[in-house]
Amino acid sequence: MSYYKRHVFFCTNLREGGRQCCQDAGSVEARAYAKQRVKELGLTGRGGIRVNSAGCLDRCEEGPVAVVYPEGVWYSYVDKEDIDEIVDQHLIAGKEVKRLKI
């Protein structure tokens, strides 16, 4: 069994030269919000949920992006409401959020 039930990686990469990147689309703030929300819900630690930053996940054109493991489900999001939906539906209830999948 894996240490975490689910592990979420938010791309927080910053690309040079004006190329589209997740950091320019607010990914750092989104990751911080998701991490805080999971912590407030008491879902962290062994057997729980871990929220991490990631370097380039090479899907910036579809971003900002996050990926949830062990399922390997990729999401794009726009605002805190989207993050809330990913937390509530996927991370807690185990149901993919189809409208946000990429």
PDB file of N, CA and C in Angstrom:
ATOM      1  N   MET A   1       0.840  -1.188   0.000  1.00  0.00           N
ATOM      2  CA  MET A   1       0.000   0.000   0.000  1.00  0.00           C
ATOM      3  C   MET A   1       0.880   1.244   0.000  1.00  0.00           C
ATOM      4  N   SER A   2       0.478   2.223  -0.742  1.00  0.00           N
ATOM      5  CA  SER A   2       1.194   3.491  -0.829  1.00  0.00           C
ATOM      6  C   SER A   2       1.076   4.254   0.484  1.00  0.00           C
ATOM      7  N   TYR A   3       2.056   5.075   0.776  1.00  0.00           N
ATOM      8  CA  TYR A   3       2.034   5.889   2.000  1.00  0.00           C
ATOM      9  C   TYR A   3       0.843   6.843   2.008  1.00  0.00           C
ATOM     10  N   TYR A   4       0.569   7.463   0.852  1.00  0.00           N
ATOM     11  CA  TYR A   4      -0.578   8.367   0.728  1.00  0.00           C
ATOM     12  C   TYR A   4      -1.688   7.697  -0.069  1.00  0.00           C
ATOM     13  N   LYS A   5      -2.904   8.002   0.287  1.00  0.00           N
ATOM     14  CA  LYS A   5      -4.046   7.499  -0.479  1.00  0.00           C
ATOM     15  C   LYS A   5      -4.065   8.168  -1.856  1.00  0.00           C
ATOM     16  N   ARG A   6      -3.842   9.477  -1.863  1.00  0.00           N
ATOM     17  CA  ARG A   6      -3.760  10.237  -3.113  1.00  0.00           C
ATOM     18  C   ARG A   6      -2.652  11.270  -3.000  1.00  0.00           C
ATOM     19  N   HIS A   7      -1.981  11.496  -4.114  1.00  0.00           N
ATOM     20  CA  HIS A   7      -0.878  12.454  -4.185  1.00  0.00           C
ATOM     21  C   HIS A   7      -1.159  13.385  -5.356  1.00  0.00           C
ATOM     22  N   VAL A   8      -1.223  14.685  -5.088  1.00  0.00           N
ATOM     23  CA  VAL A   8      -1.569  15.673  -6.110  1.00  0.00           C
ATOM     24  C   VAL A   8      -0.350  16.532  -6.406  1.00  0.00           C
ATOM     25  N   PHE A   9      -0.025  16.643  -7.677  1.00  0.00           N
ATOM     26  CA  PHE A   9       1.088  17.489  -8.105  1.00  0.00           C
ATOM     27  C   PHE A   9       0.544  18.642  -8.942  1.00  0.00           C
ATOM     28  N   PHE A  10       0.835  19.865  -8.502  1.00  0.00           N
ATOM     29  CA  PHE A  10       0.481  21.070  -9.247  1.00  0.00           C
ATOM     30  C   PHE A  10       1.727  21.545  -9.972  1.00  0.00           C
ATOM     31  N   CYS A  11       1.639  21.680 -11.296  1.00  0.00           N
ATOM     32  CA  CYS A  11       2.748  22.269 -12.033  1.00  0.00           C
ATOM     33  C   CYS A  11       2.843  23.732 -11.621  1.00  0.00           C
ATOM     34  N   THR A  12       4.026  24.125 -11.143  1.00  0.00           N
ATOM     35  CA  THR A  12       4.262  25.524 -10.764  1.00  0.00           C
ATOM     36  C   THR A  12       5.436  26.084 -11.559  1.00  0.00           C
ATOM     37  N   ASN A  13       5.671  25.502 -12.711  1.00  0.00           N
ATOM     38  CA  ASN A  13       6.804  25.879 -13.546  1.00  0.00           C
ATOM     39  C   ASN A  13       6.667  27.291 -14.119  1.00  0.00           C
ATOM     40  N   LEU A  14       7.800  27.970 -14.204  1.00  0.00           N
ATOM     41  CA  LEU A  14       7.877  29.281 -14.850  1.00  0.00           C
ATOM     42  C   LEU A  14       8.775  29.139 -16.066  1.00  0.00           C
ATOM     43  N   ARG A  15       8.220  29.373 -17.244  1.00  0.00           N
ATOM     44  CA  ARG A  15       8.996  29.298 -18.482  1.00  0.00           C
ATOM     45  C   ARG A  15       9.509  30.674 -18.849  1.00  0.00           C
ATOM     46  N   GLU A  16      10.661  30.691 -19.435  1.00  0.00           N
ATOM     47  CA  GLU A  16      11.292  31.932 -19.882  1.00  0.00           C
ATOM     48  C   GLU A  16      10.802  32.311 -21.281  1.00  0.00           C
ATOM     49  N   GLY A  17      11.011  33.542 -21.646  1.00  0.00           N
ATOM     50  CA  GLY A  17      10.776  33.985 -23.010  1.00  0.00           C
ATOM     51  C   GLY A  17       9.325  34.132 -23.412  1.00  0.00           C
ATOM     52  N   GLY A  18       8.426  34.286 -22.462  1.00  0.00           N
ATOM     53  CA  GLY A  18       7.037  34.519 -22.797  1.00  0.00           C
ATOM     54  C   GLY A  18       6.235  33.296 -23.179  1.00  0.00           C
ATOM     55  N   ARG A  19       6.839  32.099 -23.080  1.00  0.00           N
ATOM     56  CA  ARG A  19       6.094  30.868 -23.383  1.00  0.00           C
ATOM     57  C   ARG A  19       5.042  30.641 -22.309  1.00  0.00           C
ATOM     58  N   GLN A  20       3.888  30.111 -22.700  1.00  0.00           N
ATOM     59  CA  GLN A  20       2.807  29.827 -21.760  1.00  0.00           C
ATOM     60  C   GLN A  20       3.304  28.892 -20.666  1.00  0.00           C
ATOM     61  N   CYS A  21       2.950  29.210 -19.422  1.00  0.00           N
ATOM     62  CA  CYS A  21       3.342  28.348 -18.313  1.00  0.00           C
ATOM     63  C   CYS A  21       2.304  28.404 -17.203  1.00  0.00           C
ATOM     64  N   CYS A  22       2.313  27.372 -16.394  1.00  0.00           N
ATOM     65  CA  CYS A  22       1.316  27.252 -15.326  1.00  0.00           C
ATOM     66  C   CYS A  22       1.469  28.333 -14.263  1.00  0.00           C
ATOM     67  N   GLN A  23       2.695  28.714 -13.948  1.00  0.00           N
ATOM     68  CA  GLN A  23       2.895  29.738 -12.919  1.00  0.00           C
ATOM     69  C   GLN A  23       2.230  31.057 -13.301  1.00  0.00           C
ATOM     70  N   ASP A  24       2.292  31.413 -14.569  1.00  0.00           N
ATOM     71  CA  ASP A  24       1.642  32.647 -15.028  1.00  0.00           C
ATOM     72  C   ASP A  24       0.120  32.562 -14.933  1.00  0.00           C
ATOM     73  N   ALA A  25      -0.416  31.357 -14.814  1.00  0.00           N
ATOM     74  CA  ALA A  25      -1.868  31.156 -14.721  1.00  0.00           C
ATOM     75  C   ALA A  25      -2.335  30.950 -13.279  1.00  0.00           C
ATOM     76  N   GLY A  26      -1.471  31.256 -12.303  1.00  0.00           N
ATOM     77  CA  GLY A  26      -1.876  31.210 -10.900  1.00  0.00           C
ATOM     78  C   GLY A  26      -1.713  29.876 -10.208  1.00  0.00           C
ATOM     79  N   SER A  27      -0.847  29.020 -10.721  1.00  0.00           N
ATOM     80  CA  SER A  27      -0.713  27.680 -10.143  1.00  0.00           C
ATOM     81  C   SER A  27      -0.113  27.671  -8.739  1.00  0.00           C
ATOM     82  N   VAL A  28       0.766  28.613  -8.435  1.00  0.00           N
ATOM     83  CA  VAL A  28       1.370  28.659  -7.095  1.00  0.00           C
ATOM     84  C   VAL A  28       0.291  28.933  -6.046  1.00  0.00           C
ATOM     85  N   GLU A  29      -0.561  29.885  -6.345  1.00  0.00           N
ATOM     86  CA  GLU A  29      -1.656  30.224  -5.428  1.00  0.00           C
ATOM     87  C   GLU A  29      -2.670  29.087  -5.326  1.00  0.00           C
ATOM     88  N   ALA A  30      -2.959  28.432  -6.451  1.00  0.00           N
ATOM     89  CA  ALA A  30      -3.907  27.313  -6.453  1.00  0.00           C
ATOM     90  C   ALA A  30      -3.380  26.155  -5.620  1.00  0.00           C
ATOM     91  N   ARG A  31      -2.098  25.846  -5.749  1.00  0.00           N
ATOM     92  CA  ARG A  31      -1.506  24.772  -4.951  1.00  0.00           C
ATOM     93  C   ARG A  31      -1.567  25.107  -3.465  1.00  0.00           C
ATOM     94  N   ALA A  32      -1.230  26.342  -3.120  1.00  0.00           N
ATOM     95  CA  ALA A  32      -1.282  26.757  -1.718  1.00  0.00           C
ATOM     96  C   ALA A  32      -2.702  26.640  -1.166  1.00  0.00           C
ATOM     97  N   TYR A  33      -3.682  27.027  -1.961  1.00  0.00           N
ATOM     98  CA  TYR A  33      -5.075  26.928  -1.542  1.00  0.00           C
ATOM     99  C   TYR A  33      -5.478  25.468  -1.332  1.00  0.00           C
ATOM    100  N   ALA A  34      -5.134  24.598  -2.284  1.00  0.00           N
ATOM    101  CA  ALA A  34      -5.479  23.176  -2.170  1.00  0.00           C
ATOM    102  C   ALA A  34      -4.802  22.562  -0.954  1.00  0.00           C
ATOM    103  N   LYS A  35      -3.548  22.881  -0.741  1.00  0.00           N
ATOM    104  CA  LYS A  35      -2.802  22.342   0.392  1.00  0.00           C
ATOM    105  C   LYS A  35      -3.445  22.767   1.708  1.00  0.00           C
ATOM    106  N   GLN A  36      -3.800  24.038   1.819  1.00  0.00           N
ATOM    107  CA  GLN A  36      -4.432  24.542   3.035  1.00  0.00           C
ATOM    108  C   GLN A  36      -5.797  23.899   3.262  1.00  0.00           C
ATOM    109  N   ARG A  37      -6.545  23.755   2.202  1.00  0.00           N
ATOM    110  CA  ARG A  37      -7.894  23.158   2.326  1.00  0.00           C
ATOM    111  C   ARG A  37      -7.818  21.710   2.782  1.00  0.00           C
ATOM    112  N   VAL A  38      -6.905  20.936   2.214  1.00  0.00           N
ATOM    113  CA  VAL A  38      -6.727  19.531   2.601  1.00  0.00           C
ATOM    114  C   VAL A  38      -6.288  19.454   4.070  1.00  0.00           C
ATOM    115  N   LYS A  39      -5.418  20.362   4.467  1.00  0.00           N
ATOM    116  CA  LYS A  39      -4.964  20.397   5.863  1.00  0.00           C
ATOM    117  C   LYS A  39      -6.122  20.734   6.803  1.00  0.00           C
ATOM    118  N   GLU A  40      -6.908  21.756   6.450  1.00  0.00           N
ATOM    119  CA  GLU A  40      -8.047  22.154   7.282  1.00  0.00           C
ATOM    120  C   GLU A  40      -9.064  21.029   7.441  1.00  0.00           C
ATOM    121  N   LEU A  41      -9.195  20.192   6.420  1.00  0.00           N
ATOM    122  CA  LEU A  41     -10.133  19.073   6.460  1.00  0.00           C
ATOM    123  C   LEU A  41      -9.564  17.860   7.201  1.00  0.00           C
ATOM    124  N   GLY A  42      -8.319  17.967   7.652  1.00  0.00           N
ATOM    125  CA  GLY A  42      -7.700  16.873   8.398  1.00  0.00           C
ATOM    126  C   GLY A  42      -7.364  15.662   7.551  1.00  0.00           C
ATOM    127  N   LEU A  43      -7.029  15.888   6.288  1.00  0.00           N
ATOM    128  CA  LEU A  43      -6.797  14.792   5.345  1.00  0.00           C
ATOM    129  C   LEU A  43      -5.327  14.515   5.062  1.00  0.00           C
ATOM    130  N   THR A  44      -4.420  15.159   5.783  1.00  0.00           N
ATOM    131  CA  THR A  44      -2.993  15.006   5.507  1.00  0.00           C
ATOM    132  C   THR A  44      -2.401  13.846   6.292  1.00  0.00           C
ATOM    133  N   GLY A  45      -1.164  13.505   5.971  1.00  0.00           N
ATOM    134  CA  GLY A  45      -0.446  12.451   6.690  1.00  0.00           C
ATOM    135  C   GLY A  45      -0.640  11.079   6.082  1.00  0.00           C
ATOM    136  N   ARG A  46      -0.063  10.096   6.754  1.00  0.00           N
ATOM    137  CA  ARG A  46      -0.097   8.703   6.283  1.00  0.00           C
ATOM    138  C   ARG A  46      -1.531   8.260   5.997  1.00  0.00           C
ATOM    139  N   GLY A  47      -1.734   7.694   4.816  1.00  0.00           N
ATOM    140  CA  GLY A  47      -3.048   7.227   4.412  1.00  0.00           C
ATOM    141  C   GLY A  47      -3.975   8.334   3.948  1.00  0.00           C
ATOM    142  N   GLY A  48      -3.454   9.552   3.889  1.00  0.00           N
ATOM    143  CA  GLY A  48      -4.259  10.703   3.499  1.00  0.00           C
ATOM    144  C   GLY A  48      -3.870  11.258   2.149  1.00  0.00           C
ATOM    145  N   ILE A  49      -3.908  12.558   2.065  1.00  0.00           N
ATOM    146  CA  ILE A  49      -3.662  13.255   0.802  1.00  0.00           C
ATOM    147  C   ILE A  49      -2.447  14.155   0.947  1.00  0.00           C
ATOM    148  N   ARG A  50      -1.598  14.150  -0.056  1.00  0.00           N
ATOM    149  CA  ARG A  50      -0.421  15.014  -0.101  1.00  0.00           C
ATOM    150  C   ARG A  50      -0.548  15.912  -1.319  1.00  0.00           C
ATOM    151  N   VAL A  51      -0.332  17.224  -1.127  1.00  0.00           N
ATOM    152  CA  VAL A  51      -0.366  18.199  -2.206  1.00  0.00           C
ATOM    153  C   VAL A  51       1.044  18.760  -2.369  1.00  0.00           C
ATOM    154  N   ASN A  52       1.607  18.621  -3.577  1.00  0.00           N
ATOM    155  CA  ASN A  52       2.966  19.063  -3.851  1.00  0.00           C
ATOM    156  C   ASN A  52       3.044  19.963  -5.072  1.00  0.00           C
ATOM    157  N   SER A  53       4.120  20.735  -5.109  1.00  0.00           N
ATOM    158  CA  SER A  53       4.498  21.471  -6.315  1.00  0.00           C
ATOM    159  C   SER A  53       5.297  20.535  -7.204  1.00  0.00           C
ATOM    160  N   ALA A  54       5.223  20.771  -8.489  1.00  0.00           N
ATOM    161  CA  ALA A  54       6.036  20.018  -9.439  1.00  0.00           C
ATOM    162  C   ALA A  54       6.672  21.006 -10.396  1.00  0.00           C
ATOM    163  N   GLY A  55       7.809  20.617 -10.927  1.00  0.00           N
ATOM    164  CA  GLY A  55       8.393  21.379 -12.013  1.00  0.00           C
ATOM    165  C   GLY A  55       7.537  21.172 -13.254  1.00  0.00           C
ATOM    166  N   CYS A  56       8.093  21.423 -14.382  1.00  0.00           N
ATOM    167  CA  CYS A  56       7.324  21.326 -15.616  1.00  0.00           C
ATOM    168  C   CYS A  56       6.784  19.915 -15.824  1.00  0.00           C
ATOM    169  N   LEU A  57       5.484  19.845 -16.028  1.00  0.00           N
ATOM    170  CA  LEU A  57       4.831  18.572 -16.337  1.00  0.00           C
ATOM    171  C   LEU A  57       4.576  18.453 -17.841  1.00  0.00           C
ATOM    172  N   ASP A  58       5.062  19.444 -18.595  1.00  0.00           N
ATOM    173  CA  ASP A  58       5.045  19.439 -20.063  1.00  0.00           C
ATOM    174  C   ASP A  58       3.644  19.455 -20.658  1.00  0.00           C
ATOM    175  N   ARG A  59       2.708  20.083 -19.947  1.00  0.00           N
ATOM    176  CA  ARG A  59       1.354  20.249 -20.489  1.00  0.00           C
ATOM    177  C   ARG A  59       0.883  21.681 -20.270  1.00  0.00           C
ATOM    178  N   CYS A  60       1.804  22.609 -20.248  1.00  0.00           N
ATOM    179  CA  CYS A  60       1.494  24.005 -19.935  1.00  0.00           C
ATOM    180  C   CYS A  60       0.451  24.607 -20.870  1.00  0.00           C
ATOM    181  N   GLU A  61       0.436  24.166 -22.117  1.00  0.00           N
ATOM    182  CA  GLU A  61      -0.532  24.703 -23.067  1.00  0.00           C
ATOM    183  C   GLU A  61      -1.967  24.364 -22.675  1.00  0.00           C
ATOM    184  N   GLU A  62      -2.141  23.371 -21.818  1.00  0.00           N
ATOM    185  CA  GLU A  62      -3.462  22.972 -21.355  1.00  0.00           C
ATOM    186  C   GLU A  62      -3.734  23.489 -19.949  1.00  0.00           C
ATOM    187  N   GLY A  63      -2.838  24.286 -19.441  1.00  0.00           N
ATOM    188  CA  GLY A  63      -2.814  24.629 -18.028  1.00  0.00           C
ATOM    189  C   GLY A  63      -3.600  25.840 -17.623  1.00  0.00           C
ATOM    190  N   PRO A  64      -3.529  26.050 -16.344  1.00  0.00           N
ATOM    191  CA  PRO A  64      -2.656  25.381 -15.394  1.00  0.00           C
ATOM    192  C   PRO A  64      -3.115  23.945 -15.171  1.00  0.00           C
ATOM    193  N   VAL A  65      -2.161  23.078 -14.817  1.00  0.00           N
ATOM    194  CA  VAL A  65      -2.478  21.665 -14.680  1.00  0.00           C
ATOM    195  C   VAL A  65      -2.092  21.117 -13.315  1.00  0.00           C
ATOM    196  N   ALA A  66      -2.816  20.066 -12.939  1.00  0.00           N
ATOM    197  CA  ALA A  66      -2.498  19.262 -11.759  1.00  0.00           C
ATOM    198  C   ALA A  66      -2.798  17.817 -12.128  1.00  0.00           C
ATOM    199  N   VAL A  67      -2.082  16.894 -11.493  1.00  0.00           N
ATOM    200  CA  VAL A  67      -2.314  15.470 -11.736  1.00  0.00           C
ATOM    201  C   VAL A  67      -2.474  14.769 -10.394  1.00  0.00           C
ATOM    202  N   VAL A  68      -3.449  13.865 -10.335  1.00  0.00           N
ATOM    203  CA  VAL A  68      -3.751  13.124  -9.114  1.00  0.00           C
ATOM    204  C   VAL A  68      -3.324  11.669  -9.294  1.00  0.00           C
ATOM    205  N   TYR A  69      -2.493  11.196  -8.368  1.00  0.00           N
ATOM    206  CA  TYR A  69      -2.074   9.794  -8.349  1.00  0.00           C
ATOM    207  C   TYR A  69      -2.636   9.124  -7.110  1.00  0.00           C
ATOM    208  N   PRO A  70      -2.950   7.833  -7.149  1.00  0.00           N
ATOM    209  CA  PRO A  70      -2.421   6.869  -8.103  1.00  0.00           C
ATOM    210  C   PRO A  70      -3.215   6.741  -9.399  1.00  0.00           C
ATOM    211  N   GLU A  71      -4.332   7.457  -9.524  1.00  0.00           N
ATOM    212  CA  GLU A  71      -5.174   7.301 -10.707  1.00  0.00           C
ATOM    213  C   GLU A  71      -4.553   7.854 -11.981  1.00  0.00           C
ATOM    214  N   GLY A  72      -3.667   8.834 -11.846  1.00  0.00           N
ATOM    215  CA  GLY A  72      -3.067   9.448 -13.026  1.00  0.00           C
ATOM    216  C   GLY A  72      -4.044  10.327 -13.787  1.00  0.00           C
ATOM    217  N   VAL A  73      -4.932  10.998 -13.068  1.00  0.00           N
ATOM    218  CA  VAL A  73      -5.942  11.856 -13.691  1.00  0.00           C
ATOM    219  C   VAL A  73      -5.410  13.285 -13.745  1.00  0.00           C
ATOM    220  N   TRP A  74      -5.442  13.861 -14.954  1.00  0.00           N
ATOM    221  CA  TRP A  74      -4.957  15.224 -15.194  1.00  0.00           C
ATOM    222  C   TRP A  74      -6.124  16.196 -15.208  1.00  0.00           C
ATOM    223  N   TYR A  75      -5.912  17.338 -14.538  1.00  0.00           N
ATOM    224  CA  TYR A  75      -6.923  18.382 -14.488  1.00  0.00           C
ATOM    225  C   TYR A  75      -6.343  19.726 -14.901  1.00  0.00           C
ATOM    226  N   SER A  76      -7.229  20.558 -15.444  1.00  0.00           N
ATOM    227  CA  SER A  76      -6.974  21.981 -15.595  1.00  0.00           C
ATOM    228  C   SER A  76      -8.046  22.679 -14.770  1.00  0.00           C
ATOM    229  N   TYR A  77      -7.735  23.837 -14.272  1.00  0.00           N
ATOM    230  CA  TYR A  77      -8.640  24.544 -13.365  1.00  0.00           C
ATOM    231  C   TYR A  77      -8.529  26.040 -13.617  1.00  0.00           C
ATOM    232  N   VAL A  78      -9.516  26.779 -13.124  1.00  0.00           N
ATOM    233  CA  VAL A  78      -9.533  28.223 -13.333  1.00  0.00           C
ATOM    234  C   VAL A  78      -9.507  28.982 -12.006  1.00  0.00           C
ATOM    235  N   ASP A  79     -10.255  28.483 -11.029  1.00  0.00           N
ATOM    236  CA  ASP A  79     -10.429  29.257  -9.797  1.00  0.00           C
ATOM    237  C   ASP A  79     -10.543  28.338  -8.579  1.00  0.00           C
ATOM    238  N   LYS A  80     -10.772  28.945  -7.419  1.00  0.00           N
ATOM    239  CA  LYS A  80     -10.882  28.185  -6.170  1.00  0.00           C
ATOM    240  C   LYS A  80     -12.060  27.218  -6.191  1.00  0.00           C
ATOM    241  N   GLU A  81     -13.117  27.580  -6.877  1.00  0.00           N
ATOM    242  CA  GLU A  81     -14.264  26.690  -6.966  1.00  0.00           C
ATOM    243  C   GLU A  81     -13.897  25.393  -7.685  1.00  0.00           C
ATOM    244  N   ASP A  82     -13.055  25.499  -8.719  1.00  0.00           N
ATOM    245  CA  ASP A  82     -12.584  24.296  -9.409  1.00  0.00           C
ATOM    246  C   ASP A  82     -11.726  23.450  -8.479  1.00  0.00           C
ATOM    247  N   ILE A  83     -10.850  24.086  -7.720  1.00  0.00           N
ATOM    248  CA  ILE A  83     -10.003  23.358  -6.771  1.00  0.00           C
ATOM    249  C   ILE A  83     -10.881  22.677  -5.720  1.00  0.00           C
ATOM    250  N   ASP A  84     -11.887  23.406  -5.207  1.00  0.00           N
ATOM    251  CA  ASP A  84     -12.814  22.813  -4.231  1.00  0.00           C
ATOM    252  C   ASP A  84     -13.484  21.563  -4.796  1.00  0.00           C
ATOM    253  N   GLU A  85     -13.880  21.634  -6.062  1.00  0.00           N
ATOM    254  CA  GLU A  85     -14.551  20.492  -6.692  1.00  0.00           C
ATOM    255  C   GLU A  85     -13.602  19.298  -6.816  1.00  0.00           C
ATOM    256  N   ILE A  86     -12.357  19.546  -7.164  1.00  0.00           N
ATOM    257  CA  ILE A  86     -11.367  18.465  -7.245  1.00  0.00           C
ATOM    258  C   ILE A  86     -11.151  17.849  -5.862  1.00  0.00           C
ATOM    259  N   VAL A  87     -11.029  18.687  -4.843  1.00  0.00           N
ATOM    260  CA  VAL A  87     -10.841  18.180  -3.476  1.00  0.00           C
ATOM    261  C   VAL A  87     -12.055  17.373  -3.037  1.00  0.00           C
ATOM    262  N   ASP A  88     -13.228  17.959  -3.161  1.00  0.00           N
ATOM    263  CA  ASP A  88     -14.447  17.303  -2.670  1.00  0.00           C
ATOM    264  C   ASP A  88     -14.798  16.036  -3.446  1.00  0.00           C
ATOM    265  N   GLN A  89     -14.756  16.132  -4.773  1.00  0.00           N
ATOM    266  CA  GLN A  89     -15.215  15.013  -5.585  1.00  0.00           C
ATOM    267  C   GLN A  89     -14.146  13.939  -5.797  1.00  0.00           C
ATOM    268  N   HIS A  90     -12.931  14.348  -6.148  1.00  0.00           N
ATOM    269  CA  HIS A  90     -11.915  13.335  -6.455  1.00  0.00           C
ATOM    270  C   HIS A  90     -11.130  12.921  -5.216  1.00  0.00           C
ATOM    271  N   LEU A  91     -10.551  13.882  -4.533  1.00  0.00           N
ATOM    272  CA  LEU A  91      -9.673  13.523  -3.423  1.00  0.00           C
ATOM    273  C   LEU A  91     -10.424  12.895  -2.261  1.00  0.00           C
ATOM    274  N   ILE A  92     -11.625  13.368  -1.985  1.00  0.00           N
ATOM    275  CA  ILE A  92     -12.398  12.821  -0.867  1.00  0.00           C
ATOM    276  C   ILE A  92     -13.315  11.696  -1.320  1.00  0.00           C
ATOM    277  N   ALA A  93     -14.140  11.947  -2.335  1.00  0.00           N
ATOM    278  CA  ALA A  93     -15.155  10.971  -2.751  1.00  0.00           C
ATOM    279  C   ALA A  93     -14.648   9.938  -3.758  1.00  0.00           C
ATOM    280  N   GLY A  94     -13.480  10.188  -4.369  1.00  0.00           N
ATOM    281  CA  GLY A  94     -12.931   9.231  -5.324  1.00  0.00           C
ATOM    282  C   GLY A  94     -13.569   9.249  -6.693  1.00  0.00           C
ATOM    283  N   LYS A  95     -14.286  10.335  -7.027  1.00  0.00           N
ATOM    284  CA  LYS A  95     -14.949  10.450  -8.325  1.00  0.00           C
ATOM    285  C   LYS A  95     -14.247  11.503  -9.179  1.00  0.00           C
ATOM    286  N   GLU A  96     -13.862  11.137 -10.374  1.00  0.00           N
ATOM    287  CA  GLU A  96     -13.201  12.083 -11.272  1.00  0.00           C
ATOM    288  C   GLU A  96     -14.139  13.238 -11.606  1.00  0.00           C
ATOM    289  N   VAL A  97     -13.566  14.427 -11.735  1.00  0.00           N
ATOM    290  CA  VAL A  97     -14.324  15.613 -12.114  1.00  0.00           C
ATOM    291  C   VAL A  97     -14.196  15.752 -13.632  1.00  0.00           C
ATOM    292  N   LYS A  98     -15.128  15.163 -14.339  1.00  0.00           N
ATOM    293  CA  LYS A  98     -15.029  15.052 -15.798  1.00  0.00           C
ATOM    294  C   LYS A  98     -14.900  16.386 -16.504  1.00  0.00           C
ATOM    295  N   ARG A  99     -15.594  17.415 -16.034  1.00  0.00           N
ATOM    296  CA  ARG A  99     -15.562  18.707 -16.732  1.00  0.00           C
ATOM    297  C   ARG A  99     -14.182  19.391 -16.642  1.00  0.00           C
ATOM    298  N   LEU A 100     -13.348  18.980 -15.703  1.00  0.00           N
ATOM    299  CA  LEU A 100     -12.024  19.592 -15.545  1.00  0.00           C
ATOM    300  C   LEU A 100     -10.891  18.716 -16.063  1.00  0.00           C
ATOM    301  N   LYS A 101     -11.218  17.483 -16.483  1.00  0.00           N
ATOM    302  CA  LYS A 101     -10.167  16.565 -16.975  1.00  0.00           C
ATOM    303  C   LYS A 101      -9.598  17.039 -18.303  1.00  0.00           C
ATOM    304  N   ILE A 102      -8.308  16.783 -18.461  1.00  0.00           N
ATOM    305  CA  ILE A 102      -7.661  17.040 -19.757  1.00  0.00           C
ATOM    306  C   ILE A 102      -7.063  15.748 -20.273  1.00  0.00           C
TER     307      ILE A 102
END
